[in-house]
C-alpha atoms as a PDB file:
ATOM      1  CA  TYR A   1     180.067  64.619 102.943  1.00  0.00           C
ATOM      2  CA  ALA A   2     177.850  62.049 100.786  1.00  0.00           C
ATOM      3  CA  GLU A   3     180.188  60.374  99.453  1.00  0.00           C
ATOM      4  CA  GLU A   4     182.146  59.602 102.757  1.00  0.00           C
ATOM      5  CA  PHE A   5     179.017  59.003 104.937  1.00  0.00           C
ATOM      6  CA  GLY A   6     176.362  58.389 102.679  1.00  0.00           C
ATOM      7  CA  ASN A   7     175.474  55.790 100.067  1.00  0.00           C
ATOM      8  CA  THR A   8     176.448  56.565  96.568  1.00  0.00           C
ATOM      9  CA  ASN A   9     173.791  55.055  95.474  1.00  0.00           C
ATOM     10  CA  ALA A  10     170.938  57.798  94.833  1.00  0.00           C
ATOM     11  CA  LEU A  11     167.803  54.912  94.274  1.00  0.00           C
ATOM     12  CA  THR A  12     169.044  53.354  97.587  1.00  0.00           C
ATOM     13  CA  THR A  13     169.155  56.283  99.593  1.00  0.00           C
ATOM     14  CA  VAL A  14     166.246  57.255  97.921  1.00  0.00           C
ATOM     15  CA  MET A  15     164.657  54.160  98.964  1.00  0.00           C
ATOM     16  CA  ASP A  16     165.990  54.413 102.662  1.00  0.00           C
ATOM     17  CA  HIS A  17     164.889  57.292 103.263  1.00  0.00           C
ATOM     18  CA  VAL A  18     161.158  56.446 102.240  1.00  0.00           C
ATOM     19  CA  HIS A  19     161.560  53.118 104.358  1.00  0.00           C
ATOM     20  CA  SER A  20     162.284  54.959 107.210  1.00  0.00           C
ATOM     21  CA  MET A  21     159.718  57.629 106.893  1.00  0.00           C
ATOM     22  CA  ALA A  22     157.006  54.716 106.533  1.00  0.00           C
ATOM     23  CA  THR A  23     158.198  53.281 109.729  1.00  0.00           C
ATOM     24  CA  ASP A  24     158.031  56.107 111.633  1.00  0.00           C
ATOM     25  CA  ILE A  25     154.676  56.967 110.184  1.00  0.00           C
ATOM     26  CA  ALA A  26     153.473  53.539 110.790  1.00  0.00           C
ATOM     27  CA  MET A  27     154.731  53.832 114.521  1.00  0.00           C
ATOM     28  CA  PHE A  28     153.059  57.022 115.347  1.00  0.00           C
ATOM     29  CA  ASP A  29     149.552  56.061 113.464  1.00  0.00           C
ATOM     30  CA  ARG A  30     149.381  53.048 115.847  1.00  0.00           C
ATOM     31  CA  PHE A  31     151.080  54.430 119.113  1.00  0.00           C
ATOM     32  CA  GLY A  32     150.214  58.049 118.926  1.00  0.00           C
ATOM     33  CA  PRO A  33     153.297  60.948 119.364  1.00  0.00           C
ATOM     34  CA  ASN A  34     155.038  58.739 122.228  1.00  0.00           C
ATOM     35  CA  PRO A  35     154.966  54.850 120.981  1.00  0.00           C
ATOM     36  CA  GLU A  36     157.612  53.948 123.847  1.00  0.00           C
ATOM     37  CA  ASN A  37     155.260  55.225 126.276  1.00  0.00           C
ATOM     38  CA  MET A  38     152.287  53.849 124.840  1.00  0.00           C
ATOM     39  CA  PHE A  39     153.602  50.309 124.243  1.00  0.00           C
ATOM     40  CA  GLU A  40     154.326  50.387 128.134  1.00  0.00           C
ATOM     41  CA  TYR A  41     150.960  51.378 129.226  1.00  0.00           C
ATOM     42  CA  LEU A  42     149.400  48.946 126.836  1.00  0.00           C
ATOM     43  CA  LYS A  43     151.551  46.258 128.372  1.00  0.00           C
ATOM     44  CA  GLN A  44     150.433  47.313 131.868  1.00  0.00           C
ATOM     45  CA  ILE A  45     146.963  47.219 130.321  1.00  0.00           C
ATOM     46  CA  ILE A  46     147.405  43.629 129.455  1.00  0.00           C
ATOM     47  CA  MET A  47     148.647  42.407 132.472  1.00  0.00           C
ATOM     48  CA  LYS A  48     145.978  43.958 134.584  1.00  0.00           C
ATOM     49  CA  GLN A  49     143.349  42.276 132.277  1.00  0.00           C
ATOM     50  CA  ALA A  50     145.333  39.126 132.512  1.00  0.00           C
ATOM     51  CA  GLN A  51     145.396  39.262 136.576  1.00  0.00           C
ATOM     52  CA  LEU A  52     140.810  39.794 136.499  1.00  0.00           C
ATOM     53  CA  ASP A  53     140.811  37.541 134.019  1.00  0.00           C
ATOM     54  CA  GLN A  54     142.268  34.985 136.504  1.00  0.00           C
ATOM     55  CA  SER A  55     140.324  36.110 139.352  1.00  0.00           C
ATOM     56  CA  ASN A  56     137.128  35.270 137.590  1.00  0.00           C
ATOM     57  CA  LYS A  57     138.419  32.008 136.700  1.00  0.00           C
ATOM     58  CA  ILE A  58     138.810  30.862 139.862  1.00  0.00           C
ATOM     59  CA  ASN A  59     135.300  32.093 140.759  1.00  0.00           C
ATOM     60  CA  GLY A  60     133.756  30.416 137.667  1.00  0.00           C
ATOM     61  CA  THR A  61     132.595  33.706 135.961  1.00  0.00           C
ATOM     62  CA  PHE A  62     135.434  32.878 133.212  1.00  0.00           C
ATOM     63  CA  THR A  63     136.563  30.651 130.751  1.00  0.00           C
ATOM     64  CA  ARG A  64     139.148  29.819 127.854  1.00  0.00           C
ATOM     65  CA  LYS A  65     139.468  27.514 125.710  1.00  0.00           C
ATOM     66  CA  GLN A  66     143.101  26.552 125.868  1.00  0.00           C
ATOM     67  CA  ARG A  67     144.946  23.271 125.599  1.00  0.00           C
ATOM     68  CA  PHE A  68     147.078  23.276 128.900  1.00  0.00           C
ATOM     69  CA  ASN A  69     145.770  24.985 131.732  1.00  0.00           C
ATOM     70  CA  PHE A  70     148.036  28.060 131.895  1.00  0.00           C
ATOM     71  CA  LEU A  71     147.476  30.925 134.599  1.00  0.00           C
ATOM     72  CA  GLU A  72     145.872  33.991 132.780  1.00  0.00           C
ATOM     73  CA  GLN A  73     149.288  35.956 133.790  1.00  0.00           C
ATOM     74  CA  GLU A  74     151.996  33.360 132.275  1.00  0.00           C
ATOM     75  CA  ARG A  75     149.545  33.450 128.934  1.00  0.00           C
ATOM     76  CA  ALA A  76     149.851  37.644 128.710  1.00  0.00           C
ATOM     77  CA  THR A  77     153.198  37.404 129.809  1.00  0.00           C
ATOM     78  CA  ARG A  78     154.387  34.996 126.843  1.00  0.00           C
ATOM     79  CA  LEU A  79     151.954  37.267 124.497  1.00  0.00           C
ATOM     80  CA  ILE A  80     154.081  40.549 125.933  1.00  0.00           C
ATOM     81  CA  ASP A  81     157.373  39.113 125.264  1.00  0.00           C
ATOM     82  CA  ARG A  82     156.387  37.931 121.834  1.00  0.00           C
ATOM     83  CA  ALA A  83     155.402  41.404 121.216  1.00  0.00           C
ATOM     84  CA  GLU A  84     158.098  43.311 122.362  1.00  0.00           C
ATOM     85  CA  ASN A  85     160.302  41.099 120.363  1.00  0.00           C
ATOM     86  CA  MET A  86     158.688  41.759 117.156  1.00  0.00           C
ATOM     87  CA  MET A  87     158.524  45.808 118.220  1.00  0.00           C
ATOM     88  CA  SER A  88     162.521  45.724 118.807  1.00  0.00           C
ATOM     89  CA  TYR A  89     162.707  44.051 115.296  1.00  0.00           C
ATOM     90  CA  TYR A  90     160.681  46.741 114.001  1.00  0.00           C
ATOM     91  CA  SER A  91     162.519  49.323 115.600  1.00  0.00           C
ATOM     92  CA  GLY A  92     165.661  47.714 114.134  1.00  0.00           C
ATOM     93  CA  GLU A  93     167.501  46.646 117.623  1.00  0.00           C
ATOM     94  CA  LEU A  94     167.236  43.203 116.698  1.00  0.00           C
ATOM     95  CA  ASN A  95     169.449  43.635 113.646  1.00  0.00           C
ATOM     96  CA  LYS A  96     172.037  45.725 115.577  1.00  0.00           C
ATOM     97  CA  PRO A  97     175.512  44.397 115.765  1.00  0.00           C
ATOM     98  CA  ALA A  98     177.360  43.946 118.924  1.00  0.00           C
ATOM     99  CA  ASN A  99     180.520  43.292 116.777  1.00  0.00           C
ATOM    100  CA  VAL A 100     180.289  45.438 113.470  1.00  0.00           C
ATOM    101  CA  LEU A 101     183.321  44.046 111.913  1.00  0.00           C
ATOM    102  CA  ALA A 102     182.731  40.582 112.817  1.00  0.00           C
ATOM    103  CA  ALA A 103     178.834  40.957 111.889  1.00  0.00           C
ATOM    104  CA  ARG A 104     179.954  42.448 108.235  1.00  0.00           C
ATOM    105  CA  THR A 105     182.533  40.037 108.149  1.00  0.00           C
ATOM    106  CA  MET A 106     179.787  36.759 108.272  1.00  0.00           C
ATOM    107  CA  ALA A 107     177.385  38.271 106.393  1.00  0.00           C
ATOM    108  CA  SER A 108     179.765  38.365 103.747  1.00  0.00           C
ATOM    109  CA  ILE A 109     180.937  35.089 104.002  1.00  0.00           C
ATOM    110  CA  ARG A 110     177.129  33.962 104.102  1.00  0.00           C
ATOM    111  CA  ASN A 111     176.246  35.934 100.786  1.00  0.00           C
ATOM    112  CA  LEU A 112     179.271  34.460  98.666  1.00  0.00           C
ATOM    113  CA  LEU A 113     177.812  31.161  99.953  1.00  0.00           C
ATOM    114  CA  GLN A 114     174.148  31.883  98.792  1.00  0.00           C
ATOM    115  CA  SER A 115     175.439  33.172  95.797  1.00  0.00           C
ATOM    116  CA  ALA A 116     177.429  29.647  95.105  1.00  0.00           C
ATOM    117  CA  GLN A 117     174.577  27.689  96.539  1.00  0.00           C
ATOM    118  CA  LEU A 118     171.416  28.951  95.104  1.00  0.00           C
ATOM    119  CA  GLY A 119     172.235  29.163  91.833  1.00  0.00           C
ATOM    120  CA  ALA A 120     169.913  27.183  91.074  1.00  0.00           C
ATOM    121  CA  ALA A 121     167.122  27.553  93.484  1.00  0.00           C
ATOM    122  CA  SER A 122     164.721  29.105  90.363  1.00  0.00           C
ATOM    123  CA  LEU A 123     164.626  25.320  89.837  1.00  0.00           C
ATOM    124  CA  LEU A 124     162.465  25.024  92.463  1.00  0.00           C
ATOM    125  CA  THR A 125     159.631  27.882  91.606  1.00  0.00           C
ATOM    126  CA  PRO A 126     157.244  25.686  90.022  1.00  0.00           C
ATOM    127  CA  GLY A 127     156.237  24.995  93.647  1.00  0.00           C
ATOM    128  CA  ASP A 128     155.277  28.572  93.882  1.00  0.00           C
ATOM    129  CA  PHE A 129     152.189  27.717  91.641  1.00  0.00           C
ATOM    130  CA  ASN A 130     150.713  24.777  93.761  1.00  0.00           C
ATOM    131  CA  THR A 131     151.056  27.303  96.964  1.00  0.00           C
ATOM    132  CA  GLN A 132     149.363  29.778  94.870  1.00  0.00           C
ATOM    133  CA  ARG A 133     146.884  27.261  93.939  1.00  0.00           C
ATOM    134  CA  ILE A 134     146.673  26.300  97.886  1.00  0.00           C
ATOM    135  CA  THR A 135     146.203  30.206  98.871  1.00  0.00           C
ATOM    136  CA  ASN A 136     143.671  30.810  95.842  1.00  0.00           C
ATOM    137  CA  ALA A 137     141.435  27.913  96.948  1.00  0.00           C
ATOM    138  CA  PHE A 138     141.557  29.234 100.729  1.00  0.00           C
ATOM    139  CA  ASN A 139     140.666  32.617 100.029  1.00  0.00           C
ATOM    140  CA  GLY A 140     137.671  31.889  97.464  1.00  0.00           C
ATOM    141  CA  LEU A 141     139.168  33.207  94.239  1.00  0.00           C
ATOM    142  CA  PRO A 142     139.455  31.744  90.915  1.00  0.00           C
ATOM    143  CA  VAL A 143     142.343  28.777  91.138  1.00  0.00           C
ATOM    144  CA  THR A 144     144.267  29.182  87.822  1.00  0.00           C
ATOM    145  CA  LYS A 145     143.886  32.663  86.394  1.00  0.00           C
ATOM    146  CA  SER A 146     146.575  34.212  88.793  1.00  0.00           C
ATOM    147  CA  LEU A 147     148.788  30.984  87.840  1.00  0.00           C
ATOM    148  CA  ILE A 148     148.224  31.840  83.909  1.00  0.00           C
ATOM    149  CA  THR A 149     149.079  35.802  84.883  1.00  0.00           C
ATOM    150  CA  SER A 150     151.929  34.776  86.401  1.00  0.00           C
ATOM    151  CA  LEU A 151     153.149  32.960  83.919  1.00  0.00           C
ATOM    152  CA  ASP A 152     152.460  35.814  81.580  1.00  0.00           C
ATOM    153  CA  LEU A 153     154.253  37.948  83.289  1.00  0.00           C
ATOM    154  CA  ILE A 154     157.234  35.861  83.563  1.00  0.00           C
ATOM    155  CA  GLN A 155     157.415  35.821  79.524  1.00  0.00           C
ATOM    156  CA  GLN A 156     157.042  39.404  79.432  1.00  0.00           C
ATOM    157  CA  GLY A 157     159.954  39.633  81.147  1.00  0.00           C
ATOM    158  CA  ILE A 158     162.165  37.292  78.959  1.00  0.00           C
ATOM    159  CA  ARG A 159     160.904  39.399  76.393  1.00  0.00           C
ATOM    160  CA  GLY A 160     161.674  42.420  77.365  1.00  0.00           C
ATOM    161  CA  ASP A 161     157.887  43.434  77.620  1.00  0.00           C
ATOM    162  CA  GLU A 162     157.307  45.794  80.403  1.00  0.00           C
ATOM    163  CA  THR A 163     153.361  46.203  79.730  1.00  0.00           C
ATOM    164  CA  GLY A 164     152.308  43.981  82.486  1.00  0.00           C
ATOM    165  CA  ALA A 165     155.238  45.694  84.752  1.00  0.00           C
ATOM    166  CA  ARG A 166     153.891  48.982  84.127  1.00  0.00           C
ATOM    167  CA  ARG A 167     150.114  47.506  85.145  1.00  0.00           C
ATOM    168  CA  ALA A 168     151.433  45.955  88.162  1.00  0.00           C
ATOM    169  CA  ILE A 169     152.774  49.263  89.269  1.00  0.00           C
ATOM    170  CA  ARG A 170     149.719  51.050  88.203  1.00  0.00           C
ATOM    171  CA  LEU A 171     147.460  48.984  90.640  1.00  0.00           C
ATOM    172  CA  GLY A 172     149.670  50.195  93.759  1.00  0.00           C
ATOM    173  CA  LEU A 173     152.347  46.907  93.947  1.00  0.00           C
ATOM    174  CA  LEU A 174     155.561  47.339  94.980  1.00  0.00           C
ATOM    175  CA  ALA A 175     158.644  46.810  92.592  1.00  0.00           C
ATOM    176  CA  GLU A 176     160.477  44.741  94.838  1.00  0.00           C
ATOM    177  CA  GLY A 177     163.356  44.792  92.692  1.00  0.00           C
ATOM    178  CA  LEU A 178     163.835  48.098  93.454  1.00  0.00           C
ATOM    179  CA  ILE A 179     163.812  48.310  97.178  1.00  0.00           C
ATOM    180  CA  GLY A 180     167.583  47.173  97.248  1.00  0.00           C
ATOM    181  CA  LEU A 181     170.091  44.640  96.738  1.00  0.00           C
ATOM    182  CA  ASN A 182     169.554  41.478  98.430  1.00  0.00           C
ATOM    183  CA  HIS A 183     166.047  42.061  98.532  1.00  0.00           C
ATOM    184  CA  LYS A 184     164.978  38.460  96.555  1.00  0.00           C
ATOM    185  CA  GLN A 185     167.492  36.607  98.962  1.00  0.00           C
ATOM    186  CA  THR A 186     165.690  37.374 101.708  1.00  0.00           C
ATOM    187  CA  ARG A 187     163.144  34.713 100.292  1.00  0.00           C
ATOM    188  CA  PHE A 188     165.656  32.585 101.978  1.00  0.00           C
ATOM    189  CA  MET A 189     167.893  33.738 103.736  1.00  0.00           C
ATOM    190  CA  LEU A 190     167.689  36.842 106.682  1.00  0.00           C
ATOM    191  CA  GLU A 191     168.301  40.895 106.050  1.00  0.00           C
ATOM    192  CA  VAL A 192     171.892  41.390 105.210  1.00  0.00           C
ATOM    193  CA  GLN A 193     174.924  43.710 106.417  1.00  0.00           C
ATOM    194  CA  GLY A 194     177.826  42.462 104.308  1.00  0.00           C
ATOM    195  CA  LEU A 195     180.245  43.978 102.324  1.00  0.00           C
ATOM    196  CA  GLU A 196     178.576  45.893  99.052  1.00  0.00           C
ATOM    197  CA  ALA A 197     180.536  43.481  96.694  1.00  0.00           C
ATOM    198  CA  THR A 198     179.533  40.672  98.043  1.00  0.00           C
ATOM    199  CA  LYS A 199     175.732  41.984  98.348  1.00  0.00           C
ATOM    200  CA  ARG A 200     176.083  42.884  94.605  1.00  0.00           C
ATOM    201  CA  ILE A 201     177.424  39.083  93.717  1.00  0.00           C
ATOM    202  CA  ALA A 202     174.597  37.584  95.591  1.00  0.00           C
ATOM    203  CA  ASP A 203     172.236  40.172  94.177  1.00  0.00           C
ATOM    204  CA  GLY A 204     173.414  39.413  90.442  1.00  0.00           C
ATOM    205  CA  VAL A 205     173.321  35.200  90.886  1.00  0.00           C
ATOM    206  CA  LEU A 206     169.617  36.075  92.008  1.00  0.00           C
ATOM    207  CA  ARG A 207     168.778  38.281  88.862  1.00  0.00           C
ATOM    208  CA  ILE A 208     170.728  35.968  86.397  1.00  0.00           C
ATOM    209  CA  THR A 209     169.228  32.792  87.352  1.00  0.00           C
ATOM    210  CA  GLY A 210     166.038  34.464  87.467  1.00  0.00           C
ATOM    211  CA  LEU A 211     164.873  33.877  90.547  1.00  0.00           C
ATOM    212  CA  SER A 212     164.097  37.668  91.214  1.00  0.00           C
ATOM    213  CA  HIS A 213     161.859  38.062  88.186  1.00  0.00           C
ATOM    214  CA  ILE A 214     159.805  35.109  89.171  1.00  0.00           C
ATOM    215  CA  THR A 215     158.981  35.933  92.596  1.00  0.00           C
ATOM    216  CA  GLN A 216     158.176  39.143  91.394  1.00  0.00           C
ATOM    217  CA  SER A 217     156.233  37.797  88.567  1.00  0.00           C
ATOM    218  CA  GLY A 218     154.331  35.076  91.120  1.00  0.00           C
ATOM    219  CA  GLN A 219     153.407  37.791  93.469  1.00  0.00           C
ATOM    220  CA  TRP A 220     152.706  40.387  90.863  1.00  0.00           C
ATOM    221  CA  GLY A 221     150.129  37.939  89.078  1.00  0.00           C
ATOM    222  CA  PHE A 222     148.395  36.623  92.512  1.00  0.00           C
ATOM    223  CA  SER A 223     147.765  40.272  93.740  1.00  0.00           C
ATOM    224  CA  MET A 224     146.568  41.275  90.520  1.00  0.00           C
ATOM    225  CA  GLU A 225     144.177  38.814  89.981  1.00  0.00           C
ATOM    226  CA  PHE A 226     142.955  39.252  93.362  1.00  0.00           C
ATOM    227  CA  MET A 227     142.522  42.839  92.686  1.00  0.00           C
ATOM    228  CA  GLY A 228     140.068  41.439  89.693  1.00  0.00           C
ATOM    229  CA  HIS A 229     138.326  39.509  91.358  1.00  0.00           C
ATOM    230  CA  LEU A 230     137.253  41.993  93.625  1.00  0.00           C
ATOM    231  CA  ALA A 231     136.249  43.901  90.916  1.00  0.00           C
ATOM    232  CA  ASP A 232     133.939  41.124  89.376  1.00  0.00           C
ATOM    233  CA  VAL A 233     131.851  40.777  92.353  1.00  0.00           C
ATOM    234  CA  VAL A 234     131.480  44.365  93.415  1.00  0.00           C
ATOM    235  CA  LYS A 235     127.690  43.972  92.989  1.00  0.00           C
ATOM    236  CA  LYS A 236     127.564  40.913  95.077  1.00  0.00           C
ATOM    237  CA  ASP A 237     126.497  41.477  98.568  1.00  0.00           C
ATOM    238  CA  PHE A 238     128.225  40.475 101.682  1.00  0.00           C
ATOM    239  CA  SER A 239     126.402  37.359 102.019  1.00  0.00           C
ATOM    240  CA  LYS A 240     126.306  36.563  98.488  1.00  0.00           C
ATOM    241  CA  LEU A 241     129.894  36.343  98.325  1.00  0.00           C
ATOM    242  CA  HIS A 242     132.353  32.930  98.015  1.00  0.00           C
ATOM    243  CA  PRO A 243     132.280  32.082 102.061  1.00  0.00           C
ATOM    244  CA  LYS A 244     135.747  31.932 101.802  1.00  0.00           C
ATOM    245  CA  LEU A 245     135.992  35.173 100.734  1.00  0.00           C
ATOM    246  CA  GLN A 246     133.752  35.935 103.501  1.00  0.00           C
ATOM    247  CA  GLU A 247     136.144  34.185 105.511  1.00  0.00           C
ATOM    248  CA  ALA A 248     138.842  36.194 104.386  1.00  0.00           C
ATOM    249  CA  PHE A 249     137.282  39.271 105.056  1.00  0.00           C
ATOM    250  CA  ASN A 250     136.764  38.571 108.237  1.00  0.00           C
ATOM    251  CA  ARG A 251     140.075  37.696 109.159  1.00  0.00           C
ATOM    252  CA  TYR A 252     141.475  40.806 108.149  1.00  0.00           C
ATOM    253  CA  GLY A 253     138.224  43.281 109.573  1.00  0.00           C
ATOM    254  CA  ILE A 254     136.282  43.953 106.423  1.00  0.00           C
ATOM    255  CA  SER A 255     132.914  43.662 107.728  1.00  0.00           C
ATOM    256  CA  LYS A 256     129.520  43.691 105.603  1.00  0.00           C
ATOM    257  CA  SER A 257     129.094  47.361 105.873  1.00  0.00           C
ATOM    258  CA  ASP A 258     133.050  48.245 105.041  1.00  0.00           C
ATOM    259  CA  TRP A 259     132.595  45.524 101.948  1.00  0.00           C
ATOM    260  CA  ASP A 260     129.385  47.856 100.865  1.00  0.00           C
ATOM    261  CA  VAL A 261     131.150  51.413 100.754  1.00  0.00           C
ATOM    262  CA  ILE A 262     134.084  49.448  99.208  1.00  0.00           C
ATOM    263  CA  ARG A 263     132.222  47.914  96.395  1.00  0.00           C
ATOM    264  CA  ASN A 264     130.797  51.617  95.488  1.00  0.00           C
ATOM    265  CA  THR A 265     134.382  52.861  94.884  1.00  0.00           C
ATOM    266  CA  LYS A 266     135.036  53.599  90.930  1.00  0.00           C
ATOM    267  CA  LEU A 267     136.906  50.322  89.191  1.00  0.00           C
ATOM    268  CA  TYR A 268     140.019  51.112  87.412  1.00  0.00           C
ATOM    269  CA  ASP A 269     140.038  50.070  83.867  1.00  0.00           C
ATOM    270  CA  ALA A 270     143.199  48.837  82.485  1.00  0.00           C
ATOM    271  CA  GLY A 271     142.451  50.420  78.719  1.00  0.00           C
ATOM    272  CA  ILE A 272     142.790  53.852  80.069  1.00  0.00           C
ATOM    273  CA  ASP A 273     146.778  53.511  80.104  1.00  0.00           C
ATOM    274  CA  ASP A 274     147.275  50.240  77.869  1.00  0.00           C
ATOM    275  CA  PRO A 275     145.325  51.230  74.540  1.00  0.00           C
ATOM    276  CA  LYS A 276     145.736  47.130  73.274  1.00  0.00           C
ATOM    277  CA  VAL A 277     143.442  46.244  75.929  1.00  0.00           C
ATOM    278  CA  ALA A 278     140.854  49.327  75.638  1.00  0.00           C
ATOM    279  CA  GLY A 279     137.081  48.238  75.763  1.00  0.00           C
ATOM    280  CA  GLN A 280     137.759  44.826  77.155  1.00  0.00           C
ATOM    281  CA  GLY A 281     136.297  45.638  80.483  1.00  0.00           C
ATOM    282  CA  ILE A 282     139.749  44.533  82.241  1.00  0.00           C
ATOM    283  CA  THR A 283     139.135  46.443  85.343  1.00  0.00           C
ATOM    284  CA  PHE A 284     140.589  46.116  88.829  1.00  0.00           C
ATOM    285  CA  LEU A 285     139.522  47.190  92.631  1.00  0.00           C
ATOM    286  CA  ARG A 286     142.345  49.426  93.686  1.00  0.00           C
ATOM    287  CA  PRO A 287     143.217  50.040  97.313  1.00  0.00           C
ATOM    288  CA  ASP A 288     144.584  53.800  96.260  1.00  0.00           C
ATOM    289  CA  ASP A 289     141.024  54.159  94.351  1.00  0.00           C
ATOM    290  CA  ILE A 290     139.749  53.293  97.807  1.00  0.00           C
ATOM    291  CA  ARG A 291     141.677  56.015  99.423  1.00  0.00           C
ATOM    292  CA  LEU A 292     141.217  58.684  97.221  1.00  0.00           C
ATOM    293  CA  ARG A 293     137.419  58.726  97.633  1.00  0.00           C
ATOM    294  CA  THR A 294     135.688  62.178  98.635  1.00  0.00           C
ATOM    295  CA  ASP A 295     132.370  60.895  99.242  1.00  0.00           C
ATOM    296  CA  ILE A 296     133.465  59.422 102.557  1.00  0.00           C
ATOM    297  CA  GLN A 297     135.663  60.455 105.502  1.00  0.00           C
ATOM    298  CA  SER A 298     139.381  60.358 104.726  1.00  0.00           C
ATOM    299  CA  ALA A 299     140.203  58.501 107.781  1.00  0.00           C
ATOM    300  CA  TYR A 300     137.772  55.766 107.058  1.00  0.00           C
ATOM    301  CA  ALA A 301     138.356  55.681 103.771  1.00  0.00           C
ATOM    302  CA  GLU A 302     142.334  55.436 104.280  1.00  0.00           C
ATOM    303  CA  THR A 303     141.661  52.687 106.858  1.00  0.00           C
ATOM    304  CA  LEU A 304     139.393  50.909 104.308  1.00  0.00           C
ATOM    305  CA  ALA A 305     142.280  51.045 102.071  1.00  0.00           C
ATOM    306  CA  TYR A 306     144.717  49.568 104.537  1.00  0.00           C
ATOM    307  CA  LYS A 307     142.252  46.477 104.910  1.00  0.00           C
ATOM    308  CA  VAL A 308     142.439  45.687 101.470  1.00  0.00           C
ATOM    309  CA  LEU A 309     146.044  46.387 100.708  1.00  0.00           C
ATOM    310  CA  ASN A 310     147.209  44.156 103.777  1.00  0.00           C
ATOM    311  CA  MET A 311     144.954  41.454 102.703  1.00  0.00           C
ATOM    312  CA  ILE A 312     146.294  41.228  99.089  1.00  0.00           C
ATOM    313  CA  ASN A 313     150.015  41.963 100.749  1.00  0.00           C
ATOM    314  CA  THR A 314     149.481  39.188 102.989  1.00  0.00           C
ATOM    315  CA  GLU A 315     148.143  36.637 100.999  1.00  0.00           C
ATOM    316  CA  ALA A 316     150.381  36.948  97.967  1.00  0.00           C
ATOM    317  CA  ILE A 317     153.416  36.256 100.781  1.00  0.00           C
ATOM    318  CA  SER A 318     151.575  32.712 101.094  1.00  0.00           C
ATOM    319  CA  ALA A 319     150.267  32.426  97.537  1.00  0.00           C
ATOM    320  CA  VAL A 320     154.624  33.136  96.840  1.00  0.00           C
ATOM    321  CA  PRO A 321     156.158  32.828 100.148  1.00  0.00           C
ATOM    322  CA  THR A 322     158.640  35.174 100.950  1.00  0.00           C
ATOM    323  CA  GLN A 323     160.243  37.132 104.245  1.00  0.00           C
ATOM    324  CA  THR A 324     158.049  37.507 107.286  1.00  0.00           C
ATOM    325  CA  ALA A 325     158.727  39.792 110.122  1.00  0.00           C
ATOM    326  CA  THR A 326     157.569  36.856 112.499  1.00  0.00           C
ATOM    327  CA  GLY A 327     159.927  34.839 110.912  1.00  0.00           C
ATOM    328  CA  THR A 328     162.916  37.224 111.308  1.00  0.00           C
ATOM    329  CA  ALA A 329     161.916  38.288 114.602  1.00  0.00           C
ATOM    330  CA  LEU A 330     161.965  34.730 115.747  1.00  0.00           C
ATOM    331  CA  ILE A 331     165.507  34.179 114.212  1.00  0.00           C
ATOM    332  CA  GLN A 332     166.947  37.601 114.970  1.00  0.00           C
ATOM    333  CA  ARG A 333     165.756  37.127 118.772  1.00  0.00           C
ATOM    334  CA  TYR A 334     168.161  34.472 119.331  1.00  0.00           C
ATOM    335  CA  GLY A 335     170.927  35.596 116.841  1.00  0.00           C
ATOM    336  CA  LYS A 336     172.158  38.863 117.508  1.00  0.00           C
ATOM    337  CA  PRO A 337     174.986  39.884 114.969  1.00  0.00           C
ATOM    338  CA  GLY A 338     178.181  39.929 115.977  1.00  0.00           C
ATOM    339  CA  THR A 339     177.986  37.596 118.666  1.00  0.00           C
ATOM    340  CA  PHE A 340     179.472  34.280 118.768  1.00  0.00           C
ATOM    341  CA  VAL A 341     176.184  32.675 119.597  1.00  0.00           C
ATOM    342  CA  GLY A 342     174.296  35.126 117.229  1.00  0.00           C
ATOM    343  CA  GLU A 343     176.898  33.929 114.547  1.00  0.00           C
ATOM    344  CA  LEU A 344     176.401  30.300 114.977  1.00  0.00           C
ATOM    345  CA  VAL A 345     172.360  31.237 115.341  1.00  0.00           C
ATOM    346  CA  LEU A 346     172.303  33.299 111.711  1.00  0.00           C
ATOM    347  CA  SER A 347     174.289  30.741 109.690  1.00  0.00           C
ATOM    348  CA  GLY A 348     172.622  27.494 110.969  1.00  0.00           C
ATOM    349  CA  ALA A 349     169.061  29.392 109.974  1.00  0.00           C
ATOM    350  CA  MET A 350     170.883  31.002 106.391  1.00  0.00           C
ATOM    351  CA  TYR A 351     168.103  29.091 104.335  1.00  0.00           C
ATOM    352  CA  LYS A 352     164.869  29.268 106.812  1.00  0.00           C
ATOM    353  CA  GLN A 353     163.197  32.099 105.894  1.00  0.00           C
ATOM    354  CA  PHE A 354     161.455  30.048 103.144  1.00  0.00           C
ATOM    355  CA  PRO A 355     159.771  26.855 105.452  1.00  0.00           C
ATOM    356  CA  LEU A 356     159.498  29.561 108.613  1.00  0.00           C
ATOM    357  CA  THR A 357     156.610  31.490 106.001  1.00  0.00           C
ATOM    358  CA  ILE A 358     155.265  28.327 105.293  1.00  0.00           C
ATOM    359  CA  PHE A 359     154.895  27.440 108.759  1.00  0.00           C
END
């Protein structure tokens, strides 16, 4: 049964199961036991509020700063349309092909084109150091530390030294190279459904040319130094933090009271698992340690851990631009796999994930 209907790669099967379970759990966590009904209910609430706002705007009791004078109902309709598109992407509806054979054939062709055309893509990765620098400055982080760490991780990978990789995984960072074939090609392309052989060719090219390793090292380096910097400033009150870091906290919903709780979390000492750095004071503030705290309510601990991890992961995508759900959903909204128009859109947008993330 497994050979005929399943995947012969055990790791891929496990990771697909984890991904599916995580998707369902997140959906239930946000929308309750009946996500579809809750989503429809929220849409109705938004439209009712829009009607009320428009009525108050006419009466002069409500104003909204906006470039164009749209009706509140029009604004709400656009927001709901975007939300519906994201929900369709998240549930997988956008990626379901209308014609499986056509979708798989075109995806396989795109895989082969990518393997032929992106062989030198790793030569473009020095630009990642500039985006890291900009992201560090934007968030009030040390500008050069993550660059040095990323270079060190790249060198370790070339030497076959797994010290940095082990540390990153212990910090709770994803080993995205294990998730499945063609993960790193989504830095430039959309999710693919091509033949297994073409997936392996494309994935092999990206690994051999070093793009996969450089991308992973860049994101690990940035995330590790982010956690390290948080550990360095745990003794500071919220008001004493760098103004840019305060702004970052506010963007991700981390309040002053949240920070007072977070900064009392026991720090992770890298020397515990790596004797080479024992006693050097190399510490990190791990989101997982926040989640495991027993001196606060478990739900609150999980919420704080999510906020911190979401901040780190989201900023890491800006530091080393890769695929985002927003960019993918935007393209797949008009690019239904297996349709004539859809395949034209998918082929035309084949290498547009990187610029969409920057945009």
